[in-house]
C-alpha atoms as a PDB file:
ATOM      1  CA  MET A   1      95.125  70.804  74.930  1.00  0.00           C
ATOM      2  CA  PHE A   2      94.672  72.773  78.132  1.00  0.00           C
ATOM      3  CA  LEU A   3      98.195  71.935  79.371  1.00  0.00           C
ATOM      4  CA  GLU A   4      99.704  72.915  76.038  1.00  0.00           C
ATOM      5  CA  SER A   5      98.021  76.331  75.999  1.00  0.00           C
ATOM      6  CA  ALA A   6      98.903  76.904  79.676  1.00  0.00           C
ATOM      7  CA  GLY A   7     102.518  76.030  78.888  1.00  0.00           C
ATOM      8  CA  ASN A   8     102.568  78.469  75.976  1.00  0.00           C
ATOM      9  CA  VAL A   9     101.205  81.250  78.194  1.00  0.00           C
ATOM     10  CA  LEU A  10     103.837  80.565  80.860  1.00  0.00           C
ATOM     11  CA  VAL A  11     106.628  80.595  78.280  1.00  0.00           C
ATOM     12  CA  GLN A  12     105.395  83.898  76.841  1.00  0.00           C
ATOM     13  CA  VAL A  13     105.182  85.463  80.301  1.00  0.00           C
ATOM     14  CA  MET A  14     108.721  84.312  81.155  1.00  0.00           C
ATOM     15  CA  VAL A  15     110.124  85.639  77.888  1.00  0.00           C
ATOM     16  CA  GLU A  16     108.463  89.018  78.421  1.00  0.00           C
ATOM     17  CA  GLU A  17     109.760  89.258  81.991  1.00  0.00           C
ATOM     18  CA  ALA A  18     113.252  88.172  81.045  1.00  0.00           C
ATOM     19  CA  SER A  19     113.574  90.765  78.303  1.00  0.00           C
ATOM     20  CA  SER A  20     112.052  93.590  80.344  1.00  0.00           C
ATOM     21  CA  VAL A  21     115.303  94.273  82.275  1.00  0.00           C
ATOM     22  CA  PRO A  22     118.257  95.437  80.164  1.00  0.00           C
ATOM     23  CA  LEU A  23     121.550  93.631  80.635  1.00  0.00           C
ATOM     24  CA  GLU A  24     123.278  96.798  81.843  1.00  0.00           C
ATOM     25  CA  LYS A  25     121.032  96.828  84.913  1.00  0.00           C
ATOM     26  CA  LYS A  26     121.443  93.155  85.821  1.00  0.00           C
ATOM     27  CA  LYS A  27     123.855  92.273  88.615  1.00  0.00           C
ATOM     28  CA  PHE A  28     125.704  89.174  89.800  1.00  0.00           C
ATOM     29  CA  ASN A  29     125.806  88.677  93.553  1.00  0.00           C
ATOM     30  CA  PHE A  30     129.003  86.851  94.570  1.00  0.00           C
ATOM     31  CA  GLY A  31     128.306  86.729  98.281  1.00  0.00           C
ATOM     32  CA  PHE A  32     130.157  89.743  99.637  1.00  0.00           C
ATOM     33  CA  PHE A  33     130.115  91.893  96.513  1.00  0.00           C
ATOM     34  CA  LYS A  34     127.888  92.678  93.576  1.00  0.00           C
ATOM     35  CA  VAL A  35     129.184  93.225  90.070  1.00  0.00           C
ATOM     36  CA  SER A  36     127.584  94.242  86.809  1.00  0.00           C
ATOM     37  CA  PHE A  37     126.427  91.639  84.308  1.00  0.00           C
ATOM     38  CA  TYR A  38     129.397  91.927  81.956  1.00  0.00           C
ATOM     39  CA  THR A  39     131.950  91.936  84.788  1.00  0.00           C
ATOM     40  CA  GLY A  40     130.244  88.885  86.284  1.00  0.00           C
ATOM     41  CA  CYS A  41     130.422  87.068  82.956  1.00  0.00           C
ATOM     42  CA  LEU A  42     134.113  87.967  82.740  1.00  0.00           C
ATOM     43  CA  LEU A  43     134.788  86.695  86.281  1.00  0.00           C
ATOM     44  CA  ILE A  44     132.939  83.436  85.677  1.00  0.00           C
ATOM     45  CA  SER A  45     134.765  82.813  82.389  1.00  0.00           C
ATOM     46  CA  LEU A  46     138.076  83.641  84.084  1.00  0.00           C
ATOM     47  CA  CYS A  47     137.355  81.075  86.816  1.00  0.00           C
ATOM     48  CA  VAL A  48     136.503  78.454  84.186  1.00  0.00           C
ATOM     49  CA  CYS A  49     139.728  79.178  82.266  1.00  0.00           C
ATOM     50  CA  VAL A  50     141.833  78.949  85.447  1.00  0.00           C
ATOM     51  CA  ALA A  51     140.190  75.637  86.343  1.00  0.00           C
ATOM     52  CA  LEU A  52     140.805  74.226  82.859  1.00  0.00           C
ATOM     53  CA  ALA A  53     144.429  75.420  82.938  1.00  0.00           C
ATOM     54  CA  GLY A  54     144.890  73.693  86.294  1.00  0.00           C
ATOM     55  CA  ILE A  55     143.503  70.450  84.908  1.00  0.00           C
ATOM     56  CA  VAL A  56     145.770  70.650  81.847  1.00  0.00           C
ATOM     57  CA  PHE A  57     148.776  71.410  84.051  1.00  0.00           C
ATOM     58  CA  ALA A  58     148.034  68.444  86.319  1.00  0.00           C
ATOM     59  CA  VAL A  59     147.606  66.083  83.368  1.00  0.00           C
ATOM     60  CA  MET A  60     150.810  67.281  81.703  1.00  0.00           C
ATOM     61  CA  ARG A  61     152.734  67.011  84.970  1.00  0.00           C
ATOM     62  CA  ASN A  62     151.422  63.480  85.493  1.00  0.00           C
ATOM     63  CA  ASN A  63     152.382  62.505  81.930  1.00  0.00           C
ATOM     64  CA  LYS A  64     155.840  63.987  82.410  1.00  0.00           C
ATOM     65  CA  LYS A  65     156.473  61.842  85.487  1.00  0.00           C
ATOM     66  CA  SER A  66     155.271  58.625  83.884  1.00  0.00           C
ATOM     67  CA  GLY A  67     156.650  59.558  80.457  1.00  0.00           C
ATOM     68  CA  GLY A  68     160.238  59.799  81.738  1.00  0.00           C
ATOM     69  CA  GLU A  69     160.389  56.059  82.363  1.00  0.00           C
ATOM     70  CA  HIS A  70     159.122  55.257  78.884  1.00  0.00           C
ATOM     71  CA  THR A  71     161.525  57.695  77.240  1.00  0.00           C
ATOM     72  CA  ASP A  72     164.550  55.828  78.616  1.00  0.00           C
ATOM     73  CA  SER A  73     163.265  52.466  77.398  1.00  0.00           C
ATOM     74  CA  ASP A  74     162.380  53.978  74.026  1.00  0.00           C
ATOM     75  CA  SER A  75     165.878  55.321  73.639  1.00  0.00           C
ATOM     76  CA  ASP A  76     167.303  51.864  74.450  1.00  0.00           C
ATOM     77  CA  GLU A  77     165.068  50.322  71.806  1.00  0.00           C
ATOM     78  CA  THR A  78     166.105  52.994  69.341  1.00  0.00           C
ATOM     79  CA  LYS A  79     169.771  52.366  70.059  1.00  0.00           C
ATOM     80  CA  ALA A  80     169.287  48.636  69.575  1.00  0.00           C
ATOM     81  CA  SER A  81     167.492  49.119  66.275  1.00  0.00           C
ATOM     82  CA  LYS A  82     170.241  51.463  65.051  1.00  0.00           C
ATOM     83  CA  LYS A  83     172.846  48.834  65.937  1.00  0.00           C
ATOM     84  CA  ASN A  84     170.871  46.221  64.018  1.00  0.00           C
ATOM     85  CA  ILE A  85     170.549  48.469  60.992  1.00  0.00           C
ATOM     86  CA  HIS A  86     174.236  49.347  61.131  1.00  0.00           C
ATOM     87  CA  ALA A  87     175.188  45.666  61.447  1.00  0.00           C
ATOM     88  CA  PHE A  88     172.879  44.764  58.536  1.00  0.00           C
ATOM     89  CA  TYR A  89     174.479  47.302  56.189  1.00  0.00           C
ATOM     90  CA  MET A  90     178.027  46.412  57.272  1.00  0.00           C
ATOM     91  CA  ASN A  91     177.621  42.732  56.336  1.00  0.00           C
END
């Protein structure tokens, strides 16, 4: 009971402190420079998008290299099946 009420008090204090500073006054500190909250959110989301694009590019490039070998064998199988179909209809 005591721990529960103490936890509730701590949560209320944290919520009051967190909402006491408006977002326009919050800053992100990126080491050598400070930016506003919204610019920091934009920079972080931009970094996440660039990282995801790099991962997608690497996966697609890897699939392209390994997919080229399978494409040739698929085309051979397709040619063979077309010959079989053509031979079946000709007889």
